[in-house]
């Protein structure tokens, strides 16, 4: 998943995390489960810059039975 990180402040971002919420969706569209994964941000992010970064989102195959799929619907970043 590629996410664009934009630092609009006047100081560099020196630490932080990004959290992905990946939903396991059934064949009829029912949301069966949500798995979260947290990763460190690629720091530093200089002031007034935009950095697209890609993360691999993995869910164990046994959690996604035949006919179901995954969908990463929520992304949250915390930085300092």
C-alpha atoms as a PDB file:
ATOM      1  CA  UNK A   1       0.000   0.000   0.000  1.00  0.00           C
ATOM      2  CA  UNK A   2       1.402   3.406  -0.937  1.00  0.00           C
ATOM      3  CA  UNK A   3       0.674   6.356   1.339  1.00  0.00           C
ATOM      4  CA  UNK A   4       1.771   9.934   0.738  1.00  0.00           C
ATOM      5  CA  UNK A   5       3.178  11.540   3.889  1.00  0.00           C
ATOM      6  CA  UNK A   6       3.072  15.339   3.828  1.00  0.00           C
ATOM      7  CA  UNK A   7       4.869  17.447   6.443  1.00  0.00           C
ATOM      8  CA  UNK A   8       3.267  20.893   6.289  1.00  0.00           C
ATOM      9  CA  UNK A   9       5.005  22.149   9.441  1.00  0.00           C
ATOM     10  CA  UNK A  10       8.176  24.120   9.898  1.00  0.00           C
ATOM     11  CA  UNK A  11      10.192  21.358  11.625  1.00  0.00           C
ATOM     12  CA  UNK A  12      11.234  17.882  10.458  1.00  0.00           C
ATOM     13  CA  UNK A  13       9.310  14.828  11.618  1.00  0.00           C
ATOM     14  CA  UNK A  14      11.837  12.799  13.598  1.00  0.00           C
ATOM     15  CA  UNK A  15       9.774   9.837  14.857  1.00  0.00           C
ATOM     16  CA  UNK A  16       6.398   8.220  14.495  1.00  0.00           C
ATOM     17  CA  UNK A  17       4.354   5.227  13.434  1.00  0.00           C
ATOM     18  CA  UNK A  18       1.747   4.369  10.838  1.00  0.00           C
ATOM     19  CA  UNK A  19      -1.075   1.926  11.575  1.00  0.00           C
ATOM     20  CA  UNK A  20      -3.069   0.045   8.928  1.00  0.00           C
ATOM     21  CA  UNK A  21      -6.454  -1.550   9.633  1.00  0.00           C
ATOM     22  CA  UNK A  22      -7.044  -4.365   7.165  1.00  0.00           C
ATOM     23  CA  UNK A  23     -10.547  -5.812   7.015  1.00  0.00           C
ATOM     24  CA  UNK A  24     -11.339  -9.411   6.045  1.00  0.00           C
ATOM     25  CA  UNK A  25     -14.476  -9.241   3.895  1.00  0.00           C
ATOM     26  CA  UNK A  26     -16.741 -12.220   3.171  1.00  0.00           C
ATOM     27  CA  UNK A  27     -18.241 -13.130  -0.208  1.00  0.00           C
ATOM     28  CA  UNK A  28     -21.489 -11.292   0.679  1.00  0.00           C
ATOM     29  CA  UNK A  29     -19.661  -8.152   1.786  1.00  0.00           C
ATOM     30  CA  UNK A  30     -19.774  -8.854   5.532  1.00  0.00           C
ATOM     31  CA  UNK A  31     -16.765  -7.549   7.493  1.00  0.00           C
ATOM     32  CA  UNK A  32     -15.654 -10.643   9.455  1.00  0.00           C
ATOM     33  CA  UNK A  33     -12.515  -9.340  11.157  1.00  0.00           C
ATOM     34  CA  UNK A  34     -10.023  -6.503  11.287  1.00  0.00           C
ATOM     35  CA  UNK A  35      -6.263  -6.957  11.623  1.00  0.00           C
ATOM     36  CA  UNK A  36      -4.032  -4.014  12.478  1.00  0.00           C
ATOM     37  CA  UNK A  37      -0.337  -3.646  11.766  1.00  0.00           C
ATOM     38  CA  UNK A  38       1.942  -0.839  12.932  1.00  0.00           C
ATOM     39  CA  UNK A  39       5.186   0.210  11.256  1.00  0.00           C
ATOM     40  CA  UNK A  40       7.742   2.970  11.927  1.00  0.00           C
ATOM     41  CA  UNK A  41       7.640   6.043   9.701  1.00  0.00           C
ATOM     42  CA  UNK A  42      10.556   6.638   7.329  1.00  0.00           C
ATOM     43  CA  UNK A  43      12.097   9.539   9.226  1.00  0.00           C
ATOM     44  CA  UNK A  44      13.268  12.210   9.013  1.00  0.00           C
ATOM     45  CA  UNK A  45      10.638  13.889   6.872  1.00  0.00           C
ATOM     46  CA  UNK A  46      11.863  17.433   6.130  1.00  0.00           C
ATOM     47  CA  UNK A  47       9.518  20.416   6.586  1.00  0.00           C
ATOM     48  CA  UNK A  48       7.160  21.286   3.719  1.00  0.00           C
ATOM     49  CA  UNK A  49       7.814  18.077   1.787  1.00  0.00           C
ATOM     50  CA  UNK A  50       5.764  15.170   0.476  1.00  0.00           C
ATOM     51  CA  UNK A  51       7.090  11.612   0.613  1.00  0.00           C
ATOM     52  CA  UNK A  52       5.153   8.699  -0.922  1.00  0.00           C
ATOM     53  CA  UNK A  53       6.136   5.482   0.868  1.00  0.00           C
ATOM     54  CA  UNK A  54       5.079   1.884   0.232  1.00  0.00           C
ATOM     55  CA  UNK A  55       4.397  -0.800   2.848  1.00  0.00           C
ATOM     56  CA  UNK A  56       3.537  -4.456   2.297  1.00  0.00           C
ATOM     57  CA  UNK A  57       0.331  -5.472   4.080  1.00  0.00           C
ATOM     58  CA  UNK A  58       0.244  -9.192   4.892  1.00  0.00           C
ATOM     59  CA  UNK A  59      -2.511 -11.353   6.351  1.00  0.00           C
ATOM     60  CA  UNK A  60      -2.012 -15.076   6.980  1.00  0.00           C
ATOM     61  CA  UNK A  61      -3.735 -17.157   4.299  1.00  0.00           C
ATOM     62  CA  UNK A  62      -5.723 -19.175   6.846  1.00  0.00           C
ATOM     63  CA  UNK A  63      -7.411 -15.943   8.006  1.00  0.00           C
ATOM     64  CA  UNK A  64      -8.841 -15.339   4.504  1.00  0.00           C
ATOM     65  CA  UNK A  65     -10.816 -18.441   3.441  1.00  0.00           C
ATOM     66  CA  UNK A  66     -11.747 -19.094  -0.178  1.00  0.00           C
ATOM     67  CA  UNK A  67     -14.260 -16.525  -1.440  1.00  0.00           C
ATOM     68  CA  UNK A  68     -13.145 -13.817   1.013  1.00  0.00           C
ATOM     69  CA  UNK A  69     -10.801 -10.896   0.360  1.00  0.00           C
ATOM     70  CA  UNK A  70      -8.906  -8.237   2.302  1.00  0.00           C
ATOM     71  CA  UNK A  71      -9.338  -4.483   2.114  1.00  0.00           C
ATOM     72  CA  UNK A  72      -7.162  -1.962   3.967  1.00  0.00           C
ATOM     73  CA  UNK A  73      -9.702   0.717   4.827  1.00  0.00           C
ATOM     74  CA  UNK A  74      -8.100   2.768   7.601  1.00  0.00           C
ATOM     75  CA  UNK A  75      -4.652   4.337   7.882  1.00  0.00           C
ATOM     76  CA  UNK A  76      -3.524   6.395  10.870  1.00  0.00           C
ATOM     77  CA  UNK A  77      -0.172   8.141  11.331  1.00  0.00           C
ATOM     78  CA  UNK A  78       1.255   9.512  14.582  1.00  0.00           C
ATOM     79  CA  UNK A  79       4.381  11.599  14.415  1.00  0.00           C
ATOM     80  CA  UNK A  80       6.444  13.989  16.436  1.00  0.00           C
END
